[in-house]
Amino acid sequence: MTLSEFKQFHVNIKIRMIVSFVSDVAEMSIFPFMAIYFSTQLGLAWAGGILTFTTVVSIICGLYGGSFADRFGRKKVMVVGYFIQTTSFMMIALANSPWFESVWLTFLMFFLLSITSKFTDPASEALLIDVSSEVERPSIYRFIYWSTNLAFAIGIVLGGLFFMSHKFELFLGFAILSIFTLLLTLLWIQDQHVPSKEDPRSLLSNYVEVFKDSRFMVLCLSTLLIISLEFQLYGFIAVRLNEDIHSSLFGFVIDGPKMLSILIITNTMIVIFASSIIGKVGNKMKINTALFLGLFLYVIGYSFLAWNGMIVVLIAAIAIATVGELLFQPIRSTYVAQLANKDARGSYLAVSGLTMDAGQILGSLGLLVSALVTNGMMAGMFILIGGVGVLGFYWAIQDSRIKISRNIA
C-alpha cells in the first residue's frame, strides 16, 4: 500500500493504524519479558500462575469488550481502555522507578494492561470495518499485517535492549506515547456505529447469535486449525530443531536455537520487505485463487518444518509458509468482516479474535503428541489438520454474504 492510498482512507482507519502500531510496539517490548521478570522476583510457580491467570481473564474481557462495543459504541470502549492503559503505564513506571519498587504493583498494572488490550481489540477492529469498503479491506488488512510484524520486530529489539536494565525509562516512554494515542482517539475518532435503542441483550444472548452462525463459526474453527501450525514453531518445531540440527552453513556452526532464530528472522524480513510485492501478485489473481493458494503454501511450508533437517530446505519452507500467509490472511480478514452481522459486529470480532488464543493452546499440544509419534507422522498430521482447515474455508465462504470479486483480492 502506498502513502497516497493511506491518505485516502477514512480518518478512523488512519488513527486506528497509528494507535495499533504504537500499542503493538509497547506490548512486544514488555509482555514477552514479563515471564523473566516475575520468575526472577517471585519464582517460577508464581510466574506461571500470574501469566496463566492473566491470559484467562484477558480472554473473558475480550468477550465483554466485543459486547460492549455493540451496546455502547466503539469509541467509548476504546477511550475507557486507553485511559486505563495510560494510567497503568504511569503506575508501572513508578513501580520500577529509582525511588520506588514494587513487584505486586507491577503485577497489578501488567494485569490491567493485558486485559484492556483484549478489551479494546474488538471495538478497534469493528471501528475499522464500520468505515471501510469491500474494495479497501484487503489492502487495509495487508498493511495492518505488515505494520504489526514491523511493530513486533521493533518491540522485541527495544525490550531486549532496555527491559532488564532500563525498565523505568521504557515504561515512562510508553506512558507518554499512551497519552498521545488516547488523545488521538478522544479528539479525532468519529464513531459511525449507532447502538440499537432496543432493550440491550445480555452478554450470553449476544454470543448465542454468533455461535448459531454456522458459516462464521466454521470459518473461525478452520482458521484455528490453520494457524495452530504456526504456533508449532515455538513448541514442537523448536524442540525438534534443538534435537536434530547440529550443522554448519558457510562455515558458521548452526544448532537448534540458532536455526529457530534464522527462521523467525526470515519470516519477519519477508513480511516487512516483500508484503507489497506479494500483495500486487495477489491482486492479479481471483480472490479465492489467492486464498487457497496461500493456504496450500502455508500448510506445505509448516509440514516441511516438522520433519526436514536440511538448513536450506528449512529456510525455503518458512519462506513458502510466509508467502502463503501474506496471500490468505488479508482475504480471510475480509471474509470475517463480510460475515459479521452489523448489529453484533463487535461480538463477532471478539469470537474471531479467540482463534489466536485457542491456536496457541492447540499449538502447545503438539509437544505432547510429538512424544508419542515420529517427526514424519507429525508432518502427516500437519497436512491432515491443514487439509481439514482448507475444506472448512471452502464450505464457510459458500454464503450469500460473501462478495467475491477480483477487485477485492
Protein backbone atom coordinates (compact mmCIF):
# COMPACT_ATOMS: atom_id res chain seq x y z
CA MET A 1 0.00 0.00 0.00
CA THR A 2 1.34 3.42 -0.99
CA LEU A 3 1.31 6.65 1.01
CA SER A 4 -1.26 8.12 -1.39
CA GLU A 5 -3.59 5.16 -0.69
CA PHE A 6 -3.10 5.66 3.06
CA LYS A 7 -4.06 9.33 2.78
CA GLN A 8 -7.33 8.40 1.07
CA PHE A 9 -8.54 6.24 3.95
CA HIS A 10 -11.12 7.46 6.44
CA VAL A 11 -9.60 9.27 9.42
CA ASN A 12 -10.72 6.43 11.72
CA ILE A 13 -8.68 3.93 9.72
CA LYS A 14 -5.55 6.07 9.79
CA ILE A 15 -5.80 6.72 13.53
CA ARG A 16 -6.55 3.07 14.22
CA MET A 17 -3.42 2.04 12.32
CA ILE A 18 -1.24 4.54 14.20
CA VAL A 19 -2.66 3.60 17.60
CA SER A 20 -2.35 -0.13 16.92
CA PHE A 21 1.26 0.26 15.78
CA VAL A 22 2.22 2.11 18.98
CA SER A 23 0.33 -0.42 21.13
CA ASP A 24 1.97 -3.38 19.38
CA VAL A 25 5.46 -1.94 19.88
CA ALA A 26 4.68 -1.39 23.57
CA GLU A 27 3.27 -4.88 24.08
CA MET A 28 6.19 -6.64 22.39
CA SER A 29 8.69 -4.54 24.35
CA ILE A 30 7.14 -5.66 27.63
CA PHE A 31 4.91 -8.74 27.55
CA PRO A 32 7.46 -11.35 26.34
CA PHE A 33 9.87 -10.27 29.08
CA MET A 34 7.41 -10.27 31.99
CA ALA A 35 7.83 -14.03 32.46
CA ILE A 36 11.53 -13.43 33.12
CA TYR A 37 10.73 -10.54 35.48
CA PHE A 38 8.15 -12.43 37.55
CA SER A 39 10.20 -15.65 37.70
CA THR A 40 13.22 -13.67 38.93
CA GLN A 41 11.21 -11.72 41.51
CA LEU A 42 8.73 -14.37 42.67
CA GLY A 43 9.87 -17.75 41.37
CA LEU A 44 8.71 -19.98 38.53
CA ALA A 45 5.50 -21.19 40.22
CA TRP A 46 4.23 -17.66 40.88
CA ALA A 47 5.27 -16.51 37.41
CA GLY A 48 3.38 -19.35 35.75
CA GLY A 49 0.29 -18.74 37.87
CA ILE A 50 0.30 -14.99 37.20
CA LEU A 51 0.66 -15.38 33.44
CA THR A 52 -1.98 -18.12 33.21
CA PHE A 53 -4.47 -16.15 35.33
CA THR A 54 -3.85 -13.00 33.28
CA THR A 55 -4.35 -14.86 29.99
CA VAL A 56 -7.66 -16.43 31.08
CA VAL A 57 -9.11 -13.17 32.41
CA SER A 58 -7.94 -11.33 29.28
CA ILE A 59 -9.88 -13.74 27.07
CA ILE A 60 -13.04 -13.17 29.12
CA CYS A 61 -12.54 -9.39 28.96
CA GLY A 62 -12.22 -9.63 25.18
CA LEU A 63 -15.71 -11.15 25.02
CA TYR A 64 -17.11 -8.36 27.19
CA GLY A 65 -15.29 -5.79 25.06
CA GLY A 66 -16.98 -7.09 21.92
CA SER A 67 -20.42 -6.98 23.51
CA PHE A 68 -19.87 -3.51 24.99
CA ALA A 69 -18.65 -2.20 21.62
CA ASP A 70 -22.03 -3.18 20.15
CA ARG A 71 -24.08 -1.83 23.06
CA PHE A 72 -22.28 1.43 23.86
CA GLY A 73 -20.26 2.26 20.74
CA ARG A 74 -16.71 1.63 19.62
CA LYS A 75 -15.19 4.94 20.70
CA LYS A 76 -16.42 4.74 24.30
CA VAL A 77 -14.91 1.30 24.77
CA MET A 78 -11.61 2.39 23.21
CA VAL A 79 -11.36 5.60 25.24
CA VAL A 80 -12.03 3.77 28.52
CA GLY A 81 -9.49 1.08 27.62
CA TYR A 82 -6.79 3.52 26.52
CA PHE A 83 -7.31 5.67 29.63
CA ILE A 84 -6.75 2.62 31.85
CA GLN A 85 -3.70 1.65 29.77
CA THR A 86 -2.21 5.14 30.09
CA THR A 87 -2.72 5.12 33.85
CA SER A 88 -1.27 1.61 34.07
CA PHE A 89 1.88 2.59 32.17
CA MET A 90 2.38 5.55 34.52
CA MET A 91 1.95 3.37 37.59
CA ILE A 92 4.14 0.53 36.30
CA ALA A 93 6.85 3.11 35.59
CA LEU A 94 6.51 4.34 39.17
CA ALA A 95 6.68 0.75 40.47
CA ASN A 96 10.05 0.32 38.72
CA SER A 97 11.50 3.78 39.34
CA PRO A 98 14.70 4.74 41.16
CA TRP A 99 12.57 5.96 44.09
CA PHE A 100 10.11 3.11 44.49
CA GLU A 101 9.93 -0.57 43.55
CA SER A 102 7.00 -2.94 43.93
CA VAL A 103 6.61 -6.28 42.18
CA TRP A 104 2.95 -6.54 43.21
CA LEU A 105 2.06 -3.11 41.86
CA THR A 106 3.90 -4.13 38.69
CA PHE A 107 1.77 -7.28 38.52
CA LEU A 108 -1.48 -5.34 39.02
CA MET A 109 -0.61 -2.83 36.30
CA PHE A 110 0.59 -5.59 33.94
CA PHE A 111 -2.72 -7.35 34.57
CA LEU A 112 -4.67 -4.18 33.69
CA LEU A 113 -2.57 -3.63 30.55
CA SER A 114 -3.24 -7.19 29.41
CA ILE A 115 -7.00 -7.21 29.96
CA THR A 116 -7.58 -3.74 28.48
CA SER A 117 -5.59 -4.72 25.40
CA LYS A 118 -8.01 -7.62 24.81
CA PHE A 119 -10.98 -5.49 25.89
CA THR A 120 -10.38 -2.83 23.23
CA ASP A 121 -9.41 -5.15 20.34
CA PRO A 122 -12.96 -5.98 19.13
CA ALA A 123 -14.01 -2.31 19.25
CA SER A 124 -10.90 -1.26 17.35
CA GLU A 125 -11.49 -3.91 14.68
CA ALA A 126 -15.20 -3.11 14.39
CA LEU A 127 -14.41 0.60 14.06
CA LEU A 128 -12.24 -0.19 11.04
CA ILE A 129 -14.93 -2.28 9.35
CA ASP A 130 -17.63 0.33 10.02
CA VAL A 131 -15.93 2.91 7.78
CA SER A 132 -14.14 0.76 5.18
CA SER A 133 -15.42 -0.53 1.86
CA GLU A 134 -15.18 -4.05 0.47
CA VAL A 135 -12.59 -2.83 -2.04
CA GLU A 136 -10.39 -1.22 0.62
CA ARG A 137 -10.32 -4.00 3.19
CA PRO A 138 -7.77 -6.41 1.67
CA SER A 139 -5.28 -3.53 1.28
CA ILE A 140 -6.04 -2.35 4.80
CA TYR A 141 -5.56 -5.80 6.33
CA ARG A 142 -2.39 -6.37 4.32
CA PHE A 143 -0.96 -3.10 5.64
CA ILE A 144 -2.04 -3.93 9.20
CA TYR A 145 -0.37 -7.35 8.96
CA TRP A 146 2.82 -5.69 7.70
CA SER A 147 2.81 -2.94 10.34
CA THR A 148 2.06 -5.45 13.12
CA ASN A 149 5.09 -7.53 12.20
CA LEU A 150 7.25 -4.41 11.96
CA ALA A 151 5.99 -3.29 15.37
CA PHE A 152 6.73 -6.72 16.84
CA ALA A 153 10.28 -6.61 15.47
CA ILE A 154 10.86 -3.11 16.87
CA GLY A 155 9.28 -4.06 20.18
CA ILE A 156 11.41 -7.18 20.63
CA VAL A 157 14.58 -5.18 19.92
CA LEU A 158 13.58 -2.40 22.36
CA GLY A 159 12.66 -4.92 25.04
CA GLY A 160 15.87 -6.87 24.56
CA LEU A 161 17.95 -3.71 24.85
CA PHE A 162 16.18 -1.89 27.67
CA PHE A 163 13.79 -4.11 29.66
CA MET A 164 16.28 -5.60 32.09
CA SER A 165 18.42 -2.50 32.67
CA HIS A 166 16.14 0.48 31.93
CA LYS A 167 12.62 -0.60 32.86
CA PHE A 168 11.68 2.79 34.30
CA GLU A 169 12.66 4.70 31.16
CA LEU A 170 10.96 2.11 28.93
CA PHE A 171 7.67 2.22 30.84
CA LEU A 172 7.77 6.01 31.11
CA GLY A 173 8.30 6.34 27.37
CA PHE A 174 5.27 4.18 26.65
CA ALA A 175 3.22 6.12 29.20
CA ILE A 176 3.92 9.29 27.20
CA LEU A 177 3.05 7.53 23.93
CA SER A 178 -0.15 6.22 25.52
CA ILE A 179 -1.23 9.78 26.31
CA PHE A 180 -0.70 10.56 22.63
CA THR A 181 -2.82 7.59 21.46
CA LEU A 182 -5.54 8.41 23.99
CA LEU A 183 -5.77 12.00 22.74
CA LEU A 184 -5.82 10.84 19.11
CA THR A 185 -8.73 8.54 19.87
CA LEU A 186 -10.60 11.03 22.04
CA LEU A 187 -10.30 14.02 19.72
CA TRP A 188 -10.34 12.59 16.18
CA ILE A 189 -12.11 9.23 16.14
CA GLN A 190 -15.60 9.53 14.65
CA ASP A 191 -17.81 6.68 15.83
CA GLN A 192 -20.08 5.63 12.96
CA HIS A 193 -21.82 2.89 14.94
CA VAL A 194 -25.23 3.78 16.35
CA PRO A 195 -26.12 1.31 19.13
CA SER A 196 -29.61 -0.15 18.96
CA LYS A 197 -32.15 1.66 21.13
CA GLU A 198 -33.98 -1.59 21.79
CA ASP A 199 -33.52 -3.32 25.14
CA PRO A 200 -29.87 -4.30 25.24
CA ARG A 201 -29.25 -8.02 25.02
CA SER A 202 -27.27 -9.84 27.65
CA LEU A 203 -23.73 -10.94 27.01
CA LEU A 204 -24.90 -14.54 26.67
CA SER A 205 -27.66 -13.82 24.14
CA ASN A 206 -25.23 -11.71 22.13
CA TYR A 207 -22.85 -14.61 21.73
CA VAL A 208 -25.58 -17.21 21.23
CA GLU A 209 -26.37 -15.36 17.98
CA VAL A 210 -22.73 -15.58 16.92
CA PHE A 211 -22.40 -19.27 17.81
CA LYS A 212 -25.55 -20.07 15.80
CA ASP A 213 -23.95 -18.60 12.67
CA SER A 214 -22.58 -21.87 11.30
CA ARG A 215 -20.67 -20.38 8.35
CA PHE A 216 -18.89 -17.87 10.57
CA MET A 217 -18.07 -20.44 13.25
CA VAL A 218 -16.69 -22.89 10.69
CA LEU A 219 -14.52 -20.08 9.29
CA CYS A 220 -13.21 -19.40 12.81
CA LEU A 221 -12.59 -23.09 13.54
CA SER A 222 -10.85 -23.53 10.18
CA THR A 223 -8.67 -20.51 10.94
CA LEU A 224 -7.88 -22.08 14.31
CA LEU A 225 -6.70 -25.30 12.66
CA ILE A 226 -4.58 -23.45 10.11
CA ILE A 227 -2.85 -21.02 12.48
CA SER A 228 -2.20 -23.76 15.05
CA LEU A 229 0.50 -24.94 12.63
CA GLU A 230 2.37 -21.65 13.01
CA PHE A 231 2.32 -21.91 16.80
CA GLN A 232 4.08 -25.27 16.47
CA LEU A 233 7.13 -23.21 15.52
CA TYR A 234 7.54 -22.17 19.15
CA GLY A 235 6.75 -25.61 20.58
CA PHE A 236 7.25 -28.91 18.78
CA ILE A 237 9.29 -27.50 15.88
CA ALA A 238 11.58 -25.57 18.25
CA VAL A 239 12.25 -28.71 20.30
CA ARG A 240 12.78 -30.81 17.16
CA LEU A 241 15.29 -28.31 15.79
CA ASN A 242 17.17 -28.36 19.10
CA GLU A 243 17.43 -32.16 18.92
CA ASP A 244 18.10 -32.58 15.20
CA ILE A 245 20.03 -29.55 13.95
CA HIS A 246 23.78 -29.68 14.51
CA SER A 247 25.27 -28.46 11.26
CA SER A 248 27.07 -25.58 9.60
CA LEU A 249 26.39 -23.14 6.79
CA PHE A 250 29.17 -21.16 5.07
CA GLY A 251 31.49 -22.04 7.94
CA PHE A 252 29.08 -20.98 10.71
CA VAL A 253 28.02 -23.60 13.24
CA ILE A 254 24.22 -23.73 13.49
CA ASP A 255 22.35 -25.51 16.28
CA GLY A 256 18.64 -25.67 17.08
CA PRO A 257 18.20 -22.28 18.80
CA LYS A 258 20.19 -20.51 16.08
CA MET A 259 18.12 -22.25 13.39
CA LEU A 260 14.91 -21.15 15.10
CA SER A 261 16.19 -17.58 15.18
CA ILE A 262 17.05 -17.77 11.47
CA LEU A 263 13.53 -18.99 10.68
CA ILE A 264 11.87 -16.23 12.71
CA ILE A 265 14.12 -13.56 11.17
CA THR A 266 13.42 -14.91 7.67
CA ASN A 267 9.68 -14.77 8.34
CA THR A 268 9.88 -11.22 9.66
CA MET A 269 12.08 -9.95 6.84
CA ILE A 270 9.79 -11.37 4.15
CA VAL A 271 6.76 -9.76 5.78
CA ILE A 272 8.44 -6.38 6.15
CA PHE A 273 10.15 -6.19 2.77
CA ALA A 274 8.06 -8.37 0.45
CA SER A 275 4.45 -7.70 1.54
CA SER A 276 3.90 -5.10 -1.16
CA ILE A 277 5.21 -7.33 -3.95
CA ILE A 278 3.21 -10.35 -2.80
CA GLY A 279 0.13 -8.15 -2.43
CA LYS A 280 0.45 -6.99 -6.04
CA VAL A 281 0.77 -10.59 -7.21
CA GLY A 282 -2.32 -11.50 -5.20
CA ASN A 283 -4.25 -8.60 -6.73
CA LYS A 284 -3.79 -10.13 -10.18
CA MET A 285 -5.48 -13.37 -9.11
CA LYS A 286 -9.11 -14.18 -8.47
CA ILE A 287 -9.72 -13.69 -4.77
CA ASN A 288 -10.38 -17.35 -3.98
CA THR A 289 -7.42 -18.45 -6.08
CA ALA A 290 -5.19 -16.26 -3.90
CA LEU A 291 -6.92 -17.54 -0.75
CA PHE A 292 -6.49 -21.25 -1.44
CA LEU A 293 -3.03 -20.89 -2.97
CA GLY A 294 -1.99 -19.08 0.20
CA LEU A 295 -3.50 -21.77 2.43
CA PHE A 296 -1.79 -24.52 0.40
CA LEU A 297 1.64 -22.86 0.60
CA TYR A 298 1.19 -22.20 4.32
CA VAL A 299 0.32 -25.82 5.14
CA ILE A 300 3.07 -27.28 2.94
CA GLY A 301 5.69 -24.92 4.38
CA TYR A 302 4.97 -25.81 8.01
CA SER A 303 4.68 -29.52 7.17
CA PHE A 304 8.26 -29.46 5.84
CA LEU A 305 9.40 -27.73 9.03
CA ALA A 306 8.01 -30.66 11.01
CA TRP A 307 10.45 -33.27 9.68
CA ASN A 308 13.16 -31.99 7.32
CA GLY A 309 16.66 -31.44 8.69
CA MET A 310 18.38 -29.60 5.84
CA ILE A 311 19.09 -25.95 6.65
CA VAL A 312 18.41 -24.68 3.12
CA VAL A 313 15.13 -26.62 2.92
CA LEU A 314 14.02 -25.28 6.31
CA ILE A 315 14.68 -21.70 5.23
CA ALA A 316 12.81 -22.32 1.96
CA ALA A 317 9.92 -23.88 3.91
CA ILE A 318 9.46 -20.88 6.22
CA ALA A 319 9.68 -18.58 3.19
CA ILE A 320 6.95 -20.57 1.41
CA ALA A 321 4.75 -20.57 4.52
CA THR A 322 5.21 -16.82 4.97
CA VAL A 323 4.27 -16.08 1.35
CA GLY A 324 1.19 -18.23 1.85
CA GLU A 325 0.22 -16.32 4.98
CA LEU A 326 0.63 -12.98 3.20
CA LEU A 327 -1.74 -14.22 0.49
CA PHE A 328 -4.51 -15.69 2.62
CA GLN A 329 -4.63 -13.57 5.79
CA PRO A 330 -5.97 -10.32 4.24
CA ILE A 331 -8.65 -12.27 2.38
CA ARG A 332 -9.60 -14.23 5.49
CA SER A 333 -9.98 -10.98 7.44
CA THR A 334 -12.10 -9.54 4.63
CA TYR A 335 -14.43 -12.56 4.73
CA VAL A 336 -14.71 -12.32 8.52
CA ALA A 337 -15.82 -8.70 8.09
CA GLN A 338 -18.40 -9.72 5.48
CA LEU A 339 -19.89 -12.49 7.61
CA ALA A 340 -20.07 -10.36 10.78
CA ASN A 341 -23.61 -9.14 11.46
CA LYS A 342 -23.56 -5.34 11.51
CA ASP A 343 -25.57 -5.07 14.74
CA ALA A 344 -23.31 -7.54 16.57
CA ARG A 345 -20.04 -6.81 14.80
CA GLY A 346 -18.04 -6.35 17.99
CA SER A 347 -19.21 -9.72 19.33
CA TYR A 348 -18.39 -11.45 16.05
CA LEU A 349 -14.90 -10.00 16.05
CA ALA A 350 -14.33 -10.93 19.69
CA VAL A 351 -15.08 -14.57 18.81
CA SER A 352 -12.83 -14.34 15.75
CA GLY A 353 -10.07 -12.99 17.97
CA LEU A 354 -10.30 -16.07 20.19
CA THR A 355 -8.83 -18.15 17.38
CA MET A 356 -5.38 -16.76 18.15
CA ASP A 357 -5.61 -17.69 21.84
CA ALA A 358 -7.04 -21.12 21.05
CA GLY A 359 -4.40 -21.57 18.34
CA GLN A 360 -1.65 -21.12 20.92
CA ILE A 361 -3.26 -23.76 23.14
CA LEU A 362 -3.72 -26.19 20.25
CA GLY A 363 -0.17 -25.47 19.12
CA SER A 364 1.20 -26.32 22.56
CA LEU A 365 -0.49 -29.73 22.38
CA GLY A 366 1.88 -30.58 19.54
CA LEU A 367 4.64 -31.11 22.10
CA LEU A 368 2.57 -33.73 23.91
CA VAL A 369 1.67 -35.56 20.71
CA SER A 370 5.24 -35.44 19.38
CA ALA A 371 6.41 -37.54 22.33
CA LEU A 372 4.28 -40.41 21.02
CA VAL A 373 4.88 -40.28 17.25
CA THR A 374 7.72 -39.77 14.77
CA ASN A 375 8.53 -36.48 13.06
CA GLY A 376 7.25 -37.90 9.77
CA MET A 377 3.93 -38.71 11.42
CA MET A 378 3.79 -35.18 12.82
CA ALA A 379 4.27 -33.82 9.30
CA GLY A 380 1.41 -36.04 8.15
CA MET A 381 -0.76 -34.69 10.97
CA PHE A 382 0.11 -31.14 9.91
CA ILE A 383 -1.09 -31.92 6.38
CA LEU A 384 -4.27 -33.54 7.74
CA ILE A 385 -5.05 -30.63 10.07
CA GLY A 386 -4.30 -28.13 7.32
CA GLY A 387 -6.42 -30.08 4.84
CA VAL A 388 -9.42 -30.08 7.17
CA GLY A 389 -8.91 -26.35 7.68
CA VAL A 390 -8.85 -25.71 3.92
CA LEU A 391 -12.06 -27.72 3.43
CA GLY A 392 -13.64 -25.71 6.23
CA PHE A 393 -12.67 -22.48 4.47
CA TYR A 394 -14.23 -23.74 1.24
CA TRP A 395 -17.54 -24.56 2.96
CA ALA A 396 -17.65 -21.39 5.07
CA ILE A 397 -17.39 -19.00 2.13
CA GLN A 398 -20.32 -20.60 0.27
CA ASP A 399 -22.58 -17.92 1.74
CA SER A 400 -24.65 -15.13 0.21
CA ARG A 401 -22.93 -12.60 2.49
CA ILE A 402 -19.57 -13.33 0.86
CA LYS A 403 -18.96 -10.97 -2.05
CA ILE A 404 -16.38 -12.48 -4.40
CA SER A 405 -14.72 -10.06 -6.79
CA ARG A 406 -11.34 -9.81 -8.46
CA ASN A 407 -11.31 -6.18 -7.34
CA ILE A 408 -11.03 -7.06 -3.69
CA ALA A 409 -8.29 -9.65 -3.94
